[in-house]
PDB file of N, CA and C in Angstrom:
ATOM      1  N   MET A   1      38.334 -10.770-143.852  1.00  0.00           N
ATOM      2  CA  MET A   1      39.360 -10.020-143.152  1.00  0.00           C
ATOM      3  C   MET A   1      40.532 -10.943-142.844  1.00  0.00           C
ATOM      4  N   ALA A   2      41.734 -10.453-142.974  1.00  0.00           N
ATOM      5  CA  ALA A   2      42.938 -11.226-142.666  1.00  0.00           C
ATOM      6  C   ALA A   2      43.059 -11.422-141.158  1.00  0.00           C
ATOM      7  N   THR A   3      43.699 -12.511-140.765  1.00  0.00           N
ATOM      8  CA  THR A   3      43.865 -12.805-139.345  1.00  0.00           C
ATOM      9  C   THR A   3      45.341 -12.888-138.988  1.00  0.00           C
ATOM     10  N   THR A   4      45.599 -12.928-137.690  1.00  0.00           N
ATOM     11  CA  THR A   4      46.949 -13.078-137.168  1.00  0.00           C
ATOM     12  C   THR A   4      46.951 -14.207-136.141  1.00  0.00           C
ATOM     13  N   GLN A   5      48.054 -14.911-136.022  1.00  0.00           N
ATOM     14  CA  GLN A   5      48.195 -15.967-135.017  1.00  0.00           C
ATOM     15  C   GLN A   5      48.481 -15.321-133.667  1.00  0.00           C
ATOM     16  N   VAL A   6      47.788 -15.775-132.620  1.00  0.00           N
ATOM     17  CA  VAL A   6      47.939 -15.206-131.280  1.00  0.00           C
ATOM     18  C   VAL A   6      48.290 -16.316-130.298  1.00  0.00           C
ATOM     19  N   GLU A   7      49.270 -16.038-129.446  1.00  0.00           N
ATOM     20  CA  GLU A   7      49.657 -16.929-128.357  1.00  0.00           C
ATOM     21  C   GLU A   7      49.637 -16.110-127.073  1.00  0.00           C
ATOM     22  N   LEU A   8      48.851 -16.541-126.092  1.00  0.00           N
ATOM     23  CA  LEU A   8      48.797 -15.902-124.770  1.00  0.00           C
ATOM     24  C   LEU A   8      49.318 -16.925-123.776  1.00  0.00           C
ATOM     25  N   VAL A   9      50.494 -16.649-123.191  1.00  0.00           N
ATOM     26  CA  VAL A   9      51.215 -17.640-122.400  1.00  0.00           C
ATOM     27  C   VAL A   9      51.578 -17.071-121.033  1.00  0.00           C
ATOM     28  N   THR A  10      51.383 -17.902-119.984  1.00  0.00           N
ATOM     29  CA  THR A  10      51.858 -17.598-118.641  1.00  0.00           C
ATOM     30  C   THR A  10      52.907 -18.652-118.285  1.00  0.00           C
ATOM     31  N   PRO A  11      53.618 -18.483-117.165  1.00  0.00           N
ATOM     32  CA  PRO A  11      54.594 -19.513-116.785  1.00  0.00           C
ATOM     33  C   PRO A  11      53.973 -20.900-116.579  1.00  0.00           C
ATOM     34  N   SER A  12      52.686 -20.946-116.249  1.00  0.00           N
ATOM     35  CA  SER A  12      52.066 -22.237-115.946  1.00  0.00           C
ATOM     36  C   SER A  12      51.223 -22.830-117.072  1.00  0.00           C
ATOM     37  N   ALA A  13      50.820 -22.008-118.077  1.00  0.00           N
ATOM     38  CA  ALA A  13      49.917 -22.548-119.106  1.00  0.00           C
ATOM     39  C   ALA A  13      49.840 -21.626-120.321  1.00  0.00           C
ATOM     40  N   THR A  14      49.404 -22.203-121.440  1.00  0.00           N
ATOM     41  CA  THR A  14      49.030 -21.422-122.619  1.00  0.00           C
ATOM     42  C   THR A  14      47.527 -21.190-122.506  1.00  0.00           C
ATOM     43  N   LEU A  15      47.117 -19.932-122.347  1.00  0.00           N
ATOM     44  CA  LEU A  15      45.708 -19.603-122.149  1.00  0.00           C
ATOM     45  C   LEU A  15      44.952 -19.475-123.456  1.00  0.00           C
ATOM     46  N   TYR A  16      45.651 -19.117-124.545  1.00  0.00           N
ATOM     47  CA  TYR A  16      45.006 -19.032-125.855  1.00  0.00           C
ATOM     48  C   TYR A  16      46.052 -19.247-126.929  1.00  0.00           C
ATOM     49  N   SER A  17      45.680 -20.012-127.928  1.00  0.00           N
ATOM     50  CA  SER A  17      46.502 -20.205-129.110  1.00  0.00           C
ATOM     51  C   SER A  17      45.557 -20.362-130.282  1.00  0.00           C
ATOM     52  N   GLY A  18      45.583 -19.408-131.208  1.00  0.00           N
ATOM     53  CA  GLY A  18      44.689 -19.476-132.351  1.00  0.00           C
ATOM     54  C   GLY A  18      44.709 -18.195-133.157  1.00  0.00           C
ATOM     55  N   GLN A  19      43.800 -18.097-134.108  1.00  0.00           N
ATOM     56  CA  GLN A  19      43.706 -16.943-134.992  1.00  0.00           C
ATOM     57  C   GLN A  19      42.823 -15.855-134.367  1.00  0.00           C
ATOM     58  N   ALA A  20      43.074 -14.613-134.758  1.00  0.00           N
ATOM     59  CA  ALA A  20      42.260 -13.490-134.306  1.00  0.00           C
ATOM     60  C   ALA A  20      42.279 -12.389-135.357  1.00  0.00           C
ATOM     61  N   ASP A  21      41.208 -11.611-135.371  1.00  0.00           N
ATOM     62  CA  ASP A  21      41.161 -10.429-136.232  1.00  0.00           C
ATOM     63  C   ASP A  21      41.996  -9.302-135.652  1.00  0.00           C
ATOM     64  N   MET A  22      41.990  -9.209-134.296  1.00  0.00           N
ATOM     65  CA  MET A  22      42.666  -8.095-133.642  1.00  0.00           C
ATOM     66  C   MET A  22      42.981  -8.468-132.203  1.00  0.00           C
ATOM     67  N   VAL A  23      44.085  -7.926-131.679  1.00  0.00           N
ATOM     68  CA  VAL A  23      44.452  -8.055-130.276  1.00  0.00           C
ATOM     69  C   VAL A  23      44.632  -6.639-129.744  1.00  0.00           C
ATOM     70  N   VAL A  24      43.983  -6.343-128.620  1.00  0.00           N
ATOM     71  CA  VAL A  24      44.079  -5.019-128.010  1.00  0.00           C
ATOM     72  C   VAL A  24      44.676  -5.181-126.618  1.00  0.00           C
ATOM     73  N   CYS A  25      45.744  -4.438-126.338  1.00  0.00           N
ATOM     74  CA  CYS A  25      46.382  -4.516-125.024  1.00  0.00           C
ATOM     75  C   CYS A  25      46.901  -3.138-124.623  1.00  0.00           C
ATOM     76  N   ARG A  26      47.355  -3.054-123.370  1.00  0.00           N
ATOM     77  CA  ARG A  26      47.907  -1.793-122.852  1.00  0.00           C
ATOM     78  C   ARG A  26      49.384  -1.995-122.537  1.00  0.00           C
ATOM     79  N   THR A  27      50.213  -1.157-123.142  1.00  0.00           N
ATOM     80  CA  THR A  27      51.650  -1.181-122.884  1.00  0.00           C
ATOM     81  C   THR A  27      52.019   0.063-122.087  1.00  0.00           C
ATOM     82  N   ALA A  28      53.288   0.163-121.730  1.00  0.00           N
ATOM     83  CA  ALA A  28      53.766   1.333-121.004  1.00  0.00           C
ATOM     84  C   ALA A  28      53.525   2.615-121.808  1.00  0.00           C
ATOM     85  N   GLY A  29      53.436   2.506-123.139  1.00  0.00           N
ATOM     86  CA  GLY A  29      53.203   3.661-124.006  1.00  0.00           C
ATOM     87  C   GLY A  29      51.736   3.956-124.260  1.00  0.00           C
ATOM     88  N   GLY A  30      50.826   3.122-123.736  1.00  0.00           N
ATOM     89  CA  GLY A  30      49.391   3.332-123.941  1.00  0.00           C
ATOM     90  C   GLY A  30      48.740   2.127-124.601  1.00  0.00           C
ATOM     91  N   ASP A  31      47.451   2.244-124.885  1.00  0.00           N
ATOM     92  CA  ASP A  31      46.710   1.158-125.527  1.00  0.00           C
ATOM     93  C   ASP A  31      47.156   1.014-126.978  1.00  0.00           C
ATOM     94  N   ILE A  32      47.194  -0.245-127.448  1.00  0.00           N
ATOM     95  CA  ILE A  32      47.591  -0.511-128.824  1.00  0.00           C
ATOM     96  C   ILE A  32      46.798  -1.710-129.333  1.00  0.00           C
ATOM     97  N   ALA A  33      46.455  -1.681-130.610  1.00  0.00           N
ATOM     98  CA  ALA A  33      45.730  -2.777-131.255  1.00  0.00           C
ATOM     99  C   ALA A  33      46.604  -3.340-132.368  1.00  0.00           C
ATOM    100  N   PHE A  34      46.621  -4.661-132.480  1.00  0.00           N
ATOM    101  CA  PHE A  34      47.408  -5.337-133.509  1.00  0.00           C
ATOM    102  C   PHE A  34      46.466  -6.041-134.466  1.00  0.00           C
ATOM    103  N   LEU A  35      46.570  -5.715-135.742  1.00  0.00           N
ATOM    104  CA  LEU A  35      45.824  -6.374-136.806  1.00  0.00           C
ATOM    105  C   LEU A  35      46.775  -7.268-137.577  1.00  0.00           C
ATOM    106  N   ALA A  36      46.255  -7.991-138.539  1.00  0.00           N
ATOM    107  CA  ALA A  36      47.094  -8.866-139.364  1.00  0.00           C
ATOM    108  C   ALA A  36      48.217  -8.071-140.025  1.00  0.00           C
ATOM    109  N   ASN A  37      49.380  -8.677-140.104  1.00  0.00           N
ATOM    110  CA  ASN A  37      50.560  -8.102-140.763  1.00  0.00           C
ATOM    111  C   ASN A  37      51.045  -6.800-140.140  1.00  0.00           C
ATOM    112  N   HIS A  38      50.848  -6.642-138.842  1.00  0.00           N
ATOM    113  CA  HIS A  38      51.341  -5.458-138.125  1.00  0.00           C
ATOM    114  C   HIS A  38      52.866  -5.450-138.179  1.00  0.00           C
ATOM    115  N   MET A  39      53.448  -4.267-138.197  1.00  0.00           N
ATOM    116  CA  MET A  39      54.910  -4.165-138.194  1.00  0.00           C
ATOM    117  C   MET A  39      55.477  -4.762-136.908  1.00  0.00           C
ATOM    118  N   PRO A  40      56.732  -5.192-136.905  1.00  0.00           N
ATOM    119  CA  PRO A  40      57.336  -5.754-135.691  1.00  0.00           C
ATOM    120  C   PRO A  40      57.249  -4.770-134.526  1.00  0.00           C
ATOM    121  N   TYR A  41      57.004  -5.316-133.330  1.00  0.00           N
ATOM    122  CA  TYR A  41      56.799  -4.485-132.145  1.00  0.00           C
ATOM    123  C   TYR A  41      57.147  -5.306-130.911  1.00  0.00           C
ATOM    124  N   VAL A  42      57.742  -4.670-129.902  1.00  0.00           N
ATOM    125  CA  VAL A  42      57.970  -5.269-128.591  1.00  0.00           C
ATOM    126  C   VAL A  42      57.620  -4.221-127.552  1.00  0.00           C
ATOM    127  N   GLY A  43      56.835  -4.615-126.538  1.00  0.00           N
ATOM    128  CA  GLY A  43      56.449  -3.665-125.503  1.00  0.00           C
ATOM    129  C   GLY A  43      56.211  -4.348-124.174  1.00  0.00           C
ATOM    130  N   ALA A  44      56.364  -3.574-123.097  1.00  0.00           N
ATOM    131  CA  ALA A  44      56.075  -4.052-121.738  1.00  0.00           C
ATOM    132  C   ALA A  44      54.600  -3.833-121.460  1.00  0.00           C
ATOM    133  N   LEU A  45      53.924  -4.863-120.942  1.00  0.00           N
ATOM    134  CA  LEU A  45      52.495  -4.778-120.654  1.00  0.00           C
ATOM    135  C   LEU A  45      52.230  -4.162-119.294  1.00  0.00           C
ATOM    136  N   GLU A  46      51.192  -3.366-119.232  1.00  0.00           N
ATOM    137  CA  GLU A  46      50.670  -2.839-117.978  1.00  0.00           C
ATOM    138  C   GLU A  46      49.533  -3.759-117.531  1.00  0.00           C
ATOM    139  N   PRO A  47      49.223  -3.825-116.242  1.00  0.00           N
ATOM    140  CA  PRO A  47      48.031  -4.569-115.817  1.00  0.00           C
ATOM    141  C   PRO A  47      46.799  -3.983-116.508  1.00  0.00           C
ATOM    142  N   HIS A  48      45.989  -4.840-117.126  1.00  0.00           N
ATOM    143  CA  HIS A  48      44.867  -4.360-117.929  1.00  0.00           C
ATOM    144  C   HIS A  48      43.989  -5.521-118.383  1.00  0.00           C
ATOM    145  N   LEU A  49      42.971  -5.192-119.167  1.00  0.00           N
ATOM    146  CA  LEU A  49      42.093  -6.176-119.777  1.00  0.00           C
ATOM    147  C   LEU A  49      42.520  -6.348-121.235  1.00  0.00           C
ATOM    148  N   LEU A  50      43.085  -7.498-121.576  1.00  0.00           N
ATOM    149  CA  LEU A  50      43.517  -7.799-122.936  1.00  0.00           C
ATOM    150  C   LEU A  50      42.334  -8.384-123.700  1.00  0.00           C
ATOM    151  N   ARG A  51      42.115  -7.921-124.924  1.00  0.00           N
ATOM    152  CA  ARG A  51      40.997  -8.396-125.746  1.00  0.00           C
ATOM    153  C   ARG A  51      41.531  -9.101-126.992  1.00  0.00           C
ATOM    154  N   ILE A  52      40.987 -10.280-127.252  1.00  0.00           N
ATOM    155  CA  ILE A  52      41.300 -11.026-128.476  1.00  0.00           C
ATOM    156  C   ILE A  52      40.007 -11.111-129.271  1.00  0.00           C
ATOM    157  N   VAL A  53      39.950 -10.418-130.404  1.00  0.00           N
ATOM    158  CA  VAL A  53      38.751 -10.381-131.243  1.00  0.00           C
ATOM    159  C   VAL A  53      38.852 -11.511-132.264  1.00  0.00           C
ATOM    160  N   HIS A  54      37.872 -12.417-132.214  1.00  0.00           N
ATOM    161  CA  HIS A  54      37.868 -13.613-133.061  1.00  0.00           C
ATOM    162  C   HIS A  54      37.542 -13.290-134.509  1.00  0.00           C
ATOM    163  N   PRO A  55      37.999 -14.156-135.415  1.00  0.00           N
ATOM    164  CA  PRO A  55      37.576 -14.039-136.811  1.00  0.00           C
ATOM    165  C   PRO A  55      36.069 -14.281-136.919  1.00  0.00           C
ATOM    166  N   GLU A  56      35.497 -13.880-138.040  1.00  0.00           N
ATOM    167  CA  GLU A  56      34.066 -14.085-138.266  1.00  0.00           C
ATOM    168  C   GLU A  56      33.688 -15.543-138.052  1.00  0.00           C
ATOM    169  N   GLY A  57      32.516 -15.752-137.488  1.00  0.00           N
ATOM    170  CA  GLY A  57      32.037 -17.107-137.248  1.00  0.00           C
ATOM    171  C   GLY A  57      32.334 -17.601-135.851  1.00  0.00           C
ATOM    172  N   GLY A  58      33.249 -16.963-135.123  1.00  0.00           N
ATOM    173  CA  GLY A  58      33.555 -17.367-133.760  1.00  0.00           C
ATOM    174  C   GLY A  58      32.867 -16.452-132.767  1.00  0.00           C
ATOM    175  N   ALA A  59      33.197 -16.618-131.507  1.00  0.00           N
ATOM    176  CA  ALA A  59      32.685 -15.715-130.479  1.00  0.00           C
ATOM    177  C   ALA A  59      33.207 -14.315-130.776  1.00  0.00           C
ATOM    178  N   ASP A  60      32.507 -13.299-130.270  1.00  0.00           N
ATOM    179  CA  ASP A  60      32.906 -11.920-130.555  1.00  0.00           C
ATOM    180  C   ASP A  60      34.320 -11.610-130.099  1.00  0.00           C
ATOM    181  N   GLU A  61      34.612 -11.881-128.828  1.00  0.00           N
ATOM    182  CA  GLU A  61      35.962 -11.651-128.336  1.00  0.00           C
ATOM    183  C   GLU A  61      36.176 -12.380-127.016  1.00  0.00           C
ATOM    184  N   LEU A  62      37.450 -12.628-126.718  1.00  0.00           N
ATOM    185  CA  LEU A  62      37.848 -13.188-125.434  1.00  0.00           C
ATOM    186  C   LEU A  62      38.507 -12.070-124.644  1.00  0.00           C
ATOM    187  N   ARG A  63      38.310 -12.081-123.338  1.00  0.00           N
ATOM    188  CA  ARG A  63      38.922 -11.064-122.476  1.00  0.00           C
ATOM    189  C   ARG A  63      39.710 -11.750-121.378  1.00  0.00           C
ATOM    190  N   PHE A  64      40.919 -11.233-121.135  1.00  0.00           N
ATOM    191  CA  PHE A  64      41.788 -11.770-120.100  1.00  0.00           C
ATOM    192  C   PHE A  64      42.305 -10.620-119.243  1.00  0.00           C
ATOM    193  N   GLU A  65      42.285 -10.802-117.937  1.00  0.00           N
ATOM    194  CA  GLU A  65      42.883  -9.841-117.016  1.00  0.00           C
ATOM    195  C   GLU A  65      44.361 -10.182-116.924  1.00  0.00           C
ATOM    196  N   VAL A  66      45.212  -9.280-117.421  1.00  0.00           N
ATOM    197  CA  VAL A  66      46.652  -9.511-117.516  1.00  0.00           C
ATOM    198  C   VAL A  66      47.346  -8.727-116.410  1.00  0.00           C
ATOM    199  N   LYS A  67      48.301  -9.352-115.741  1.00  0.00           N
ATOM    200  CA  LYS A  67      48.991  -8.742-114.596  1.00  0.00           C
ATOM    201  C   LYS A  67      50.388  -8.239-114.926  1.00  0.00           C
ATOM    202  N   GLY A  68      50.669  -7.961-116.195  1.00  0.00           N
ATOM    203  CA  GLY A  68      51.991  -7.489-116.609  1.00  0.00           C
ATOM    204  C   GLY A  68      52.681  -8.531-117.474  1.00  0.00           C
ATOM    205  N   GLY A  69      53.783  -8.154-118.070  1.00  0.00           N
ATOM    206  CA  GLY A  69      54.537  -9.052-118.938  1.00  0.00           C
ATOM    207  C   GLY A  69      55.014  -8.313-120.174  1.00  0.00           C
ATOM    208  N   PHE A  70      55.051  -9.025-121.315  1.00  0.00           N
ATOM    209  CA  PHE A  70      55.544  -8.450-122.565  1.00  0.00           C
ATOM    210  C   PHE A  70      54.695  -8.902-123.737  1.00  0.00           C
ATOM    211  N   VAL A  71      54.677  -8.085-124.790  1.00  0.00           N
ATOM    212  CA  VAL A  71      54.027  -8.455-126.042  1.00  0.00           C
ATOM    213  C   VAL A  71      55.054  -8.287-127.161  1.00  0.00           C
ATOM    214  N   GLU A  72      55.077  -9.279-128.057  1.00  0.00           N
ATOM    215  CA  GLU A  72      55.956  -9.214-129.226  1.00  0.00           C
ATOM    216  C   GLU A  72      55.118  -9.504-130.464  1.00  0.00           C
ATOM    217  N   VAL A  73      55.325  -8.695-131.501  1.00  0.00           N
ATOM    218  CA  VAL A  73      54.655  -8.905-132.784  1.00  0.00           C
ATOM    219  C   VAL A  73      55.733  -9.045-133.841  1.00  0.00           C
ATOM    220  N   ASN A  74      55.640 -10.146-134.611  1.00  0.00           N
ATOM    221  CA  ASN A  74      56.621 -10.380-135.666  1.00  0.00           C
ATOM    222  C   ASN A  74      56.058 -11.438-136.616  1.00  0.00           C
ATOM    223  N   GLU A  75      56.203 -11.215-137.901  1.00  0.00           N
ATOM    224  CA  GLU A  75      55.801 -12.159-138.944  1.00  0.00           C
ATOM    225  C   GLU A  75      54.356 -12.640-138.766  1.00  0.00           C
ATOM    226  N   ASN A  76      53.439 -11.696-138.606  1.00  0.00           N
ATOM    227  CA  ASN A  76      51.996 -11.948-138.488  1.00  0.00           C
ATOM    228  C   ASN A  76      51.663 -12.856-137.302  1.00  0.00           C
ATOM    229  N   ARG A  77      52.379 -12.661-136.201  1.00  0.00           N
ATOM    230  CA  ARG A  77      52.160 -13.429-134.981  1.00  0.00           C
ATOM    231  C   ARG A  77      52.282 -12.495-133.783  1.00  0.00           C
ATOM    232  N   VAL A  78      51.294 -12.566-132.879  1.00  0.00           N
ATOM    233  CA  VAL A  78      51.298 -11.782-131.644  1.00  0.00           C
ATOM    234  C   VAL A  78      51.527 -12.752-130.498  1.00  0.00           C
ATOM    235  N   ILE A  79      52.620 -12.562-129.772  1.00  0.00           N
ATOM    236  CA  ILE A  79      52.927 -13.413-128.619  1.00  0.00           C
ATOM    237  C   ILE A  79      52.846 -12.543-127.367  1.00  0.00           C
ATOM    238  N   VAL A  80      51.975 -12.936-126.444  1.00  0.00           N
ATOM    239  CA  VAL A  80      51.801 -12.215-125.184  1.00  0.00           C
ATOM    240  C   VAL A  80      52.332 -13.113-124.082  1.00  0.00           C
ATOM    241  N   LEU A  81      53.402 -12.677-123.409  1.00  0.00           N
ATOM    242  CA  LEU A  81      54.000 -13.407-122.299  1.00  0.00           C
ATOM    243  C   LEU A  81      53.624 -12.674-121.020  1.00  0.00           C
ATOM    244  N   CYS A  82      52.788 -13.295-120.183  1.00  0.00           N
ATOM    245  CA  CYS A  82      52.257 -12.654-118.993  1.00  0.00           C
ATOM    246  C   CYS A  82      52.843 -13.245-117.728  1.00  0.00           C
ATOM    247  N   ASP A  83      53.045 -12.392-116.715  1.00  0.00           N
ATOM    248  CA  ASP A  83      53.415 -12.875-115.398  1.00  0.00           C
ATOM    249  C   ASP A  83      52.286 -13.729-114.840  1.00  0.00           C
ATOM    250  N   ALA A  84      51.048 -13.236-115.012  1.00  0.00           N
ATOM    251  CA  ALA A  84      49.837 -13.957-114.594  1.00  0.00           C
ATOM    252  C   ALA A  84      48.677 -13.396-115.384  1.00  0.00           C
ATOM    253  N   ALA A  85      47.694 -14.245-115.688  1.00  0.00           N
ATOM    254  CA  ALA A  85      46.497 -13.808-116.419  1.00  0.00           C
ATOM    255  C   ALA A  85      45.365 -14.794-116.142  1.00  0.00           C
ATOM    256  N   GLU A  86      44.138 -14.304-116.264  1.00  0.00           N
ATOM    257  CA  GLU A  86      42.962 -15.161-116.100  1.00  0.00           C
ATOM    258  C   GLU A  86      41.834 -14.617-116.939  1.00  0.00           C
ATOM    259  N   ARG A  87      40.890 -15.504-117.326  1.00  0.00           N
ATOM    260  CA  ARG A  87      39.732 -15.070-118.104  1.00  0.00           C
ATOM    261  C   ARG A  87      38.926 -14.065-117.303  1.00  0.00           C
ATOM    262  N   ALA A  88      38.526 -13.008-117.963  1.00  0.00           N
ATOM    263  CA  ALA A  88      37.732 -11.966-117.301  1.00  0.00           C
ATOM    264  C   ALA A  88      36.249 -12.262-117.452  1.00  0.00           C
TER     265      ALA A  88
END
């Protein structure tokens, strides 16, 4: 399965940087999942549980409690900029 580069960043730290099969988050428009080569997208994040599904061979998924922010998808890269987030 193809992967996408994921960056999960808060003002104080980068919480995750690496490859993933899928990223699932909640925006103002509802829940959305990003797979490899997703079309460009920008959205405002709602407080929610963000899931990063690892490629085969890694842990099943990482979960982060996100307190708002933005998500941008462009050129096979998902960048999540959070006001605050922590491992769930």
